[in-house]
Amino acid sequence: MESKTTEFSFILKASDHGVGVFVVHGIKAETFLRVFGDENNPSDVSIVRKKEDVPEFFRQYCVDRGDVMGCPKDFGCMEVGWFINHSKIPSAHVRDREYYALRDILAGEEITIDYNSLNEPEETKKDYYKK
């Protein structure tokens, strides 16, 4: 188990939910997860857009804030953090807009968070989290 993550810690691959983020080596609980590159913060690689300006297909990669959405700056060049899937039993959590291991995570395991922690509108939760 390691207590530091680098550009060689995560890989995108198929998951039960489409594409997910998987760890390459074991990670200790409470380790900072470098899933947004050297920027270290999703706000550095995201932009707020009016919901109506985001094509429907791309909304699945955004954080819904009602009339606006937090989106990747460039959908063609997204950091792996945008591919973290939802789980009711997550392996990671968000603290001050940064991602941390909630518990020890084994090599090959998928990184997941509870999307309810993103404070999206109830309508979004009703539609999405029933899956």
N, C-alpha and C. Protein backbone atom coordinates (compact mmCIF):
# COMPACT_ATOMS: atom_id res chain seq x y z
N MET A 1 0.84 -1.19 0.00
CA MET A 1 0.00 0.00 0.00
C MET A 1 0.88 1.25 0.00
N GLU A 2 0.50 2.20 -0.81
CA GLU A 2 1.25 3.45 -0.90
C GLU A 2 0.43 4.61 -0.37
N SER A 3 1.11 5.64 0.10
CA SER A 3 0.43 6.82 0.64
C SER A 3 0.62 8.04 -0.27
N LYS A 4 0.99 7.79 -1.53
CA LYS A 4 1.13 8.86 -2.51
C LYS A 4 0.66 8.33 -3.85
N THR A 5 0.00 9.21 -4.63
CA THR A 5 -0.41 8.82 -5.98
C THR A 5 0.29 9.73 -6.99
N THR A 6 0.55 9.18 -8.18
CA THR A 6 1.25 9.90 -9.24
C THR A 6 0.52 9.70 -10.56
N GLU A 7 1.16 10.14 -11.63
CA GLU A 7 0.58 9.94 -12.96
C GLU A 7 0.54 8.47 -13.36
N PHE A 8 1.18 7.61 -12.58
CA PHE A 8 1.18 6.17 -12.86
C PHE A 8 0.30 5.37 -11.89
N SER A 9 -0.61 6.05 -11.19
CA SER A 9 -1.44 5.39 -10.18
C SER A 9 -2.80 4.93 -10.69
N PHE A 10 -3.29 5.51 -11.77
CA PHE A 10 -4.66 5.24 -12.22
C PHE A 10 -4.71 4.91 -13.71
N ILE A 11 -5.71 4.13 -14.07
CA ILE A 11 -5.93 3.77 -15.47
C ILE A 11 -7.44 3.75 -15.72
N LEU A 12 -7.84 4.17 -16.90
CA LEU A 12 -9.24 4.06 -17.31
C LEU A 12 -9.46 2.71 -17.97
N LYS A 13 -10.54 2.04 -17.59
CA LYS A 13 -10.90 0.81 -18.28
C LYS A 13 -12.38 0.53 -18.08
N ALA A 14 -12.89 -0.46 -18.78
CA ALA A 14 -14.30 -0.80 -18.70
C ALA A 14 -14.68 -1.20 -17.27
N SER A 15 -15.87 -0.77 -16.86
CA SER A 15 -16.39 -1.13 -15.54
C SER A 15 -17.86 -1.51 -15.70
N ASP A 16 -18.49 -1.86 -14.61
CA ASP A 16 -19.92 -2.18 -14.64
C ASP A 16 -20.75 -0.97 -15.05
N HIS A 17 -20.17 0.23 -14.97
CA HIS A 17 -20.89 1.47 -15.25
C HIS A 17 -20.39 2.15 -16.52
N GLY A 18 -19.73 1.43 -17.40
CA GLY A 18 -19.18 2.02 -18.63
C GLY A 18 -17.67 2.06 -18.54
N VAL A 19 -17.14 3.25 -18.28
CA VAL A 19 -15.70 3.44 -18.09
C VAL A 19 -15.48 3.89 -16.66
N GLY A 20 -14.46 3.35 -16.01
CA GLY A 20 -14.17 3.72 -14.64
C GLY A 20 -12.70 3.96 -14.42
N VAL A 21 -12.37 4.45 -13.23
CA VAL A 21 -10.99 4.73 -12.83
C VAL A 21 -10.54 3.62 -11.89
N PHE A 22 -9.45 2.95 -12.25
CA PHE A 22 -8.94 1.83 -11.46
C PHE A 22 -7.53 2.14 -10.98
N VAL A 23 -7.20 1.64 -9.77
CA VAL A 23 -5.87 1.88 -9.22
C VAL A 23 -4.91 0.81 -9.71
N VAL A 24 -3.68 1.22 -9.95
CA VAL A 24 -2.64 0.32 -10.45
C VAL A 24 -1.89 -0.32 -9.28
N HIS A 25 -1.80 0.38 -8.16
CA HIS A 25 -1.13 -0.13 -6.95
C HIS A 25 -2.02 0.13 -5.75
N GLY A 26 -1.82 -0.58 -4.67
CA GLY A 26 -2.60 -0.36 -3.46
C GLY A 26 -2.40 1.05 -2.92
N ILE A 27 -3.48 1.61 -2.36
CA ILE A 27 -3.44 2.97 -1.82
C ILE A 27 -4.00 2.94 -0.40
N LYS A 28 -3.28 3.57 0.53
CA LYS A 28 -3.70 3.63 1.93
C LYS A 28 -4.87 4.59 2.11
N ALA A 29 -5.69 4.31 3.12
CA ALA A 29 -6.81 5.18 3.48
C ALA A 29 -6.32 6.61 3.71
N GLU A 30 -7.13 7.56 3.30
CA GLU A 30 -6.91 9.00 3.45
C GLU A 30 -5.80 9.56 2.56
N THR A 31 -5.29 8.77 1.63
CA THR A 31 -4.29 9.26 0.68
C THR A 31 -4.96 10.18 -0.33
N PHE A 32 -4.32 11.30 -0.64
CA PHE A 32 -4.79 12.21 -1.69
C PHE A 32 -4.75 11.47 -3.02
N LEU A 33 -5.83 11.53 -3.78
CA LEU A 33 -5.91 10.86 -5.07
C LEU A 33 -5.70 11.88 -6.19
N ARG A 34 -4.61 11.74 -6.89
CA ARG A 34 -4.23 12.68 -7.96
C ARG A 34 -4.98 12.31 -9.24
N VAL A 35 -6.28 12.54 -9.25
CA VAL A 35 -7.10 12.16 -10.40
C VAL A 35 -7.37 13.32 -11.35
N PHE A 36 -6.89 14.49 -11.00
CA PHE A 36 -7.01 15.65 -11.87
C PHE A 36 -5.65 16.21 -12.24
N GLY A 37 -4.68 15.34 -12.40
CA GLY A 37 -3.35 15.73 -12.86
C GLY A 37 -2.63 16.65 -11.91
N ASP A 38 -1.67 17.37 -12.45
CA ASP A 38 -0.86 18.26 -11.62
C ASP A 38 -1.65 19.43 -11.07
N GLU A 39 -2.82 19.71 -11.65
CA GLU A 39 -3.64 20.81 -11.15
C GLU A 39 -4.14 20.52 -9.74
N ASN A 40 -4.27 19.21 -9.41
CA ASN A 40 -4.65 18.77 -8.07
C ASN A 40 -6.02 19.20 -7.60
N ASN A 41 -6.80 19.84 -8.44
CA ASN A 41 -8.10 20.32 -8.02
C ASN A 41 -9.02 20.35 -9.23
N PRO A 42 -10.22 19.77 -9.11
CA PRO A 42 -11.12 19.77 -10.25
C PRO A 42 -11.49 21.17 -10.73
N SER A 43 -11.45 22.18 -9.86
CA SER A 43 -11.80 23.53 -10.30
C SER A 43 -10.77 24.08 -11.29
N ASP A 44 -9.56 23.53 -11.30
CA ASP A 44 -8.54 23.99 -12.24
C ASP A 44 -8.72 23.40 -13.63
N VAL A 45 -9.47 22.32 -13.75
CA VAL A 45 -9.68 21.68 -15.05
C VAL A 45 -11.15 21.67 -15.44
N SER A 46 -11.93 22.53 -14.77
CA SER A 46 -13.36 22.57 -15.07
C SER A 46 -13.80 23.99 -15.38
N ILE A 47 -15.00 24.07 -15.93
CA ILE A 47 -15.59 25.36 -16.27
C ILE A 47 -17.09 25.25 -16.01
N VAL A 48 -17.70 26.34 -15.59
CA VAL A 48 -19.14 26.37 -15.37
C VAL A 48 -19.81 26.83 -16.66
N ARG A 49 -20.77 26.03 -17.11
CA ARG A 49 -21.50 26.36 -18.34
C ARG A 49 -23.01 26.35 -18.05
N LYS A 50 -23.76 27.15 -18.81
CA LYS A 50 -25.21 27.09 -18.72
C LYS A 50 -25.65 25.71 -19.17
N LYS A 51 -26.60 25.14 -18.44
CA LYS A 51 -27.06 23.79 -18.75
C LYS A 51 -27.51 23.66 -20.20
N GLU A 52 -28.22 24.67 -20.70
CA GLU A 52 -28.73 24.60 -22.07
C GLU A 52 -27.62 24.61 -23.12
N ASP A 53 -26.41 25.03 -22.73
CA ASP A 53 -25.28 25.07 -23.67
C ASP A 53 -24.51 23.74 -23.72
N VAL A 54 -24.86 22.81 -22.83
CA VAL A 54 -24.15 21.52 -22.78
C VAL A 54 -25.00 20.47 -23.49
N PRO A 55 -24.52 19.91 -24.60
CA PRO A 55 -25.28 18.87 -25.29
C PRO A 55 -25.63 17.72 -24.34
N GLU A 56 -26.81 17.18 -24.51
CA GLU A 56 -27.35 16.14 -23.62
C GLU A 56 -26.35 15.01 -23.35
N PHE A 57 -25.71 14.49 -24.38
CA PHE A 57 -24.78 13.37 -24.21
C PHE A 57 -23.65 13.70 -23.23
N PHE A 58 -23.15 14.93 -23.25
CA PHE A 58 -22.01 15.32 -22.42
C PHE A 58 -22.38 15.59 -20.97
N ARG A 59 -23.65 15.76 -20.67
CA ARG A 59 -24.08 16.08 -19.31
C ARG A 59 -23.73 14.98 -18.31
N GLN A 60 -23.60 13.75 -18.78
CA GLN A 60 -23.26 12.65 -17.87
C GLN A 60 -21.86 12.81 -17.28
N TYR A 61 -21.04 13.65 -17.88
CA TYR A 61 -19.68 13.88 -17.40
C TYR A 61 -19.56 15.18 -16.61
N CYS A 62 -20.70 15.80 -16.29
CA CYS A 62 -20.72 17.10 -15.61
C CYS A 62 -21.36 16.96 -14.23
N VAL A 63 -21.15 17.97 -13.40
CA VAL A 63 -21.82 18.05 -12.10
C VAL A 63 -22.94 19.06 -12.25
N ASP A 64 -24.16 18.60 -12.02
CA ASP A 64 -25.36 19.42 -12.20
C ASP A 64 -25.51 20.37 -11.02
N ARG A 65 -25.66 21.65 -11.32
CA ARG A 65 -25.88 22.67 -10.29
C ARG A 65 -27.19 23.42 -10.54
N GLY A 66 -28.13 22.77 -11.19
CA GLY A 66 -29.42 23.40 -11.49
C GLY A 66 -29.40 24.00 -12.88
N ASP A 67 -29.29 25.33 -12.96
CA ASP A 67 -29.26 26.02 -14.25
C ASP A 67 -27.89 25.99 -14.90
N VAL A 68 -26.87 25.63 -14.13
CA VAL A 68 -25.50 25.56 -14.66
C VAL A 68 -24.91 24.18 -14.36
N MET A 69 -23.81 23.88 -15.04
CA MET A 69 -23.14 22.59 -14.83
C MET A 69 -21.64 22.81 -14.73
N GLY A 70 -21.00 22.08 -13.82
CA GLY A 70 -19.55 22.04 -13.76
C GLY A 70 -19.08 21.02 -14.78
N CYS A 71 -18.32 21.46 -15.77
CA CYS A 71 -17.94 20.60 -16.90
C CYS A 71 -16.43 20.58 -17.08
N PRO A 72 -15.92 19.53 -17.73
CA PRO A 72 -14.50 19.57 -18.11
C PRO A 72 -14.28 20.75 -19.05
N LYS A 73 -13.11 21.37 -18.97
CA LYS A 73 -12.81 22.47 -19.90
C LYS A 73 -12.79 21.97 -21.33
N ASP A 74 -12.32 20.74 -21.54
CA ASP A 74 -12.22 20.17 -22.88
C ASP A 74 -12.66 18.71 -22.82
N PHE A 75 -13.83 18.41 -23.36
CA PHE A 75 -14.34 17.04 -23.33
C PHE A 75 -13.46 16.08 -24.10
N GLY A 76 -12.65 16.58 -25.02
CA GLY A 76 -11.76 15.73 -25.79
C GLY A 76 -10.46 15.41 -25.08
N CYS A 77 -10.25 16.03 -23.91
CA CYS A 77 -9.00 15.84 -23.17
C CYS A 77 -9.31 15.88 -21.67
N MET A 78 -10.13 14.92 -21.22
CA MET A 78 -10.60 14.91 -19.84
C MET A 78 -9.64 14.17 -18.92
N GLU A 79 -9.41 14.73 -17.73
CA GLU A 79 -8.64 14.05 -16.70
C GLU A 79 -9.42 12.83 -16.21
N VAL A 80 -8.73 11.84 -15.66
CA VAL A 80 -9.39 10.61 -15.24
C VAL A 80 -10.44 10.86 -14.15
N GLY A 81 -10.29 11.92 -13.37
CA GLY A 81 -11.24 12.21 -12.32
C GLY A 81 -12.68 12.37 -12.80
N TRP A 82 -12.85 12.79 -14.05
CA TRP A 82 -14.20 12.94 -14.60
C TRP A 82 -14.88 11.59 -14.84
N PHE A 83 -14.13 10.51 -14.77
CA PHE A 83 -14.68 9.17 -15.02
C PHE A 83 -14.93 8.38 -13.74
N ILE A 84 -14.81 9.02 -12.59
CA ILE A 84 -15.08 8.32 -11.33
C ILE A 84 -16.57 8.04 -11.23
N ASN A 85 -16.92 6.79 -11.00
CA ASN A 85 -18.31 6.37 -10.94
C ASN A 85 -18.89 6.46 -9.53
N HIS A 86 -20.22 6.40 -9.47
CA HIS A 86 -20.99 6.45 -8.22
C HIS A 86 -21.08 5.06 -7.59
N SER A 87 -21.06 5.03 -6.27
CA SER A 87 -21.35 3.82 -5.52
C SER A 87 -21.95 4.21 -4.18
N LYS A 88 -22.90 3.43 -3.72
CA LYS A 88 -23.45 3.64 -2.38
C LYS A 88 -22.45 3.19 -1.32
N ILE A 89 -21.47 2.39 -1.75
CA ILE A 89 -20.38 1.95 -0.86
C ILE A 89 -19.07 2.39 -1.53
N PRO A 90 -18.74 3.68 -1.44
CA PRO A 90 -17.59 4.22 -2.18
C PRO A 90 -16.24 3.84 -1.60
N SER A 91 -15.22 3.97 -2.44
CA SER A 91 -13.84 3.74 -2.00
C SER A 91 -13.11 5.05 -1.75
N ALA A 92 -13.73 6.17 -2.16
CA ALA A 92 -13.10 7.49 -2.01
C ALA A 92 -14.16 8.51 -1.61
N HIS A 93 -13.69 9.68 -1.20
CA HIS A 93 -14.60 10.76 -0.85
C HIS A 93 -13.98 12.09 -1.26
N VAL A 94 -14.84 13.11 -1.32
CA VAL A 94 -14.41 14.45 -1.71
C VAL A 94 -14.35 15.30 -0.45
N ARG A 95 -13.22 15.99 -0.27
CA ARG A 95 -13.05 16.90 0.85
C ARG A 95 -12.41 18.17 0.31
N ASP A 96 -13.09 19.28 0.48
CA ASP A 96 -12.59 20.56 -0.03
C ASP A 96 -12.22 20.47 -1.51
N ARG A 97 -13.09 19.82 -2.29
CA ARG A 97 -12.94 19.69 -3.75
C ARG A 97 -11.74 18.85 -4.17
N GLU A 98 -11.19 18.10 -3.24
CA GLU A 98 -10.10 17.17 -3.55
C GLU A 98 -10.56 15.76 -3.18
N TYR A 99 -9.97 14.77 -3.82
CA TYR A 99 -10.38 13.39 -3.66
C TYR A 99 -9.38 12.62 -2.80
N TYR A 100 -9.92 11.81 -1.86
CA TYR A 100 -9.10 11.04 -0.93
C TYR A 100 -9.64 9.62 -0.83
N ALA A 101 -8.73 8.68 -0.57
CA ALA A 101 -9.15 7.30 -0.34
C ALA A 101 -9.92 7.23 0.98
N LEU A 102 -11.09 6.67 0.94
CA LEU A 102 -11.93 6.54 2.12
C LEU A 102 -11.45 5.39 3.00
N ARG A 103 -10.82 4.43 2.37
CA ARG A 103 -10.30 3.24 3.04
C ARG A 103 -9.11 2.75 2.22
N ASP A 104 -8.43 1.72 2.68
CA ASP A 104 -7.38 1.12 1.85
C ASP A 104 -8.03 0.62 0.55
N ILE A 105 -7.38 0.90 -0.57
CA ILE A 105 -7.89 0.48 -1.88
C ILE A 105 -6.86 -0.45 -2.49
N LEU A 106 -7.30 -1.61 -2.90
CA LEU A 106 -6.40 -2.63 -3.45
C LEU A 106 -6.09 -2.39 -4.92
N ALA A 107 -4.91 -2.82 -5.35
CA ALA A 107 -4.54 -2.74 -6.76
C ALA A 107 -5.62 -3.41 -7.60
N GLY A 108 -6.02 -2.76 -8.69
CA GLY A 108 -7.04 -3.30 -9.57
C GLY A 108 -8.46 -2.91 -9.21
N GLU A 109 -8.64 -2.27 -8.06
CA GLU A 109 -9.98 -1.89 -7.61
C GLU A 109 -10.41 -0.57 -8.24
N GLU A 110 -11.72 -0.42 -8.49
CA GLU A 110 -12.24 0.81 -9.06
C GLU A 110 -12.40 1.89 -7.99
N ILE A 111 -12.03 3.12 -8.33
CA ILE A 111 -12.27 4.27 -7.47
C ILE A 111 -13.72 4.70 -7.68
N THR A 112 -14.48 4.80 -6.60
CA THR A 112 -15.86 5.29 -6.68
C THR A 112 -16.09 6.30 -5.56
N ILE A 113 -17.06 7.18 -5.78
CA ILE A 113 -17.51 8.09 -4.73
C ILE A 113 -19.02 8.01 -4.66
N ASP A 114 -19.59 8.53 -3.59
CA ASP A 114 -21.04 8.65 -3.48
C ASP A 114 -21.41 9.99 -4.10
N TYR A 115 -22.05 9.96 -5.26
CA TYR A 115 -22.40 11.20 -5.95
C TYR A 115 -23.31 12.10 -5.11
N ASN A 116 -24.01 11.53 -4.12
CA ASN A 116 -24.85 12.36 -3.25
C ASN A 116 -24.02 13.43 -2.54
N SER A 117 -22.73 13.20 -2.38
CA SER A 117 -21.86 14.18 -1.72
C SER A 117 -21.57 15.39 -2.61
N LEU A 118 -21.97 15.34 -3.88
CA LEU A 118 -21.72 16.45 -4.80
C LEU A 118 -22.78 17.54 -4.72
N ASN A 119 -23.80 17.33 -3.89
CA ASN A 119 -24.86 18.32 -3.67
C ASN A 119 -25.56 18.77 -4.95
N GLU A 120 -25.87 17.81 -5.81
CA GLU A 120 -26.62 18.12 -7.02
C GLU A 120 -28.10 18.29 -6.68
N PRO A 121 -28.89 18.91 -7.58
CA PRO A 121 -30.32 19.09 -7.32
C PRO A 121 -31.04 17.75 -7.11
N GLU A 122 -32.09 17.77 -6.31
CA GLU A 122 -32.84 16.55 -6.01
C GLU A 122 -33.37 15.88 -7.28
N GLU A 123 -33.78 16.66 -8.27
CA GLU A 123 -34.29 16.10 -9.52
C GLU A 123 -33.22 15.26 -10.22
N THR A 124 -31.99 15.73 -10.20
CA THR A 124 -30.89 14.97 -10.80
C THR A 124 -30.68 13.68 -10.04
N LYS A 125 -30.69 13.76 -8.72
CA LYS A 125 -30.50 12.57 -7.90
C LYS A 125 -31.59 11.55 -8.15
N LYS A 126 -32.82 12.02 -8.25
CA LYS A 126 -33.95 11.11 -8.45
C LYS A 126 -33.78 10.33 -9.75
N ASP A 127 -33.35 11.01 -10.80
CA ASP A 127 -33.19 10.36 -12.10
C ASP A 127 -31.95 9.48 -12.15
N TYR A 128 -30.86 9.94 -11.60
CA TYR A 128 -29.59 9.24 -11.79
C TYR A 128 -29.32 8.14 -10.78
N TYR A 129 -29.55 8.41 -9.51
CA TYR A 129 -29.12 7.48 -8.48
C TYR A 129 -30.03 6.28 -8.30
N LYS A 130 -31.13 6.24 -9.05
CA LYS A 130 -31.99 5.05 -8.99
C LYS A 130 -31.34 3.88 -9.72
N LYS A 131 -30.31 4.16 -10.51
CA LYS A 131 -29.62 3.13 -11.29
C LYS A 131 -28.80 2.24 -10.39
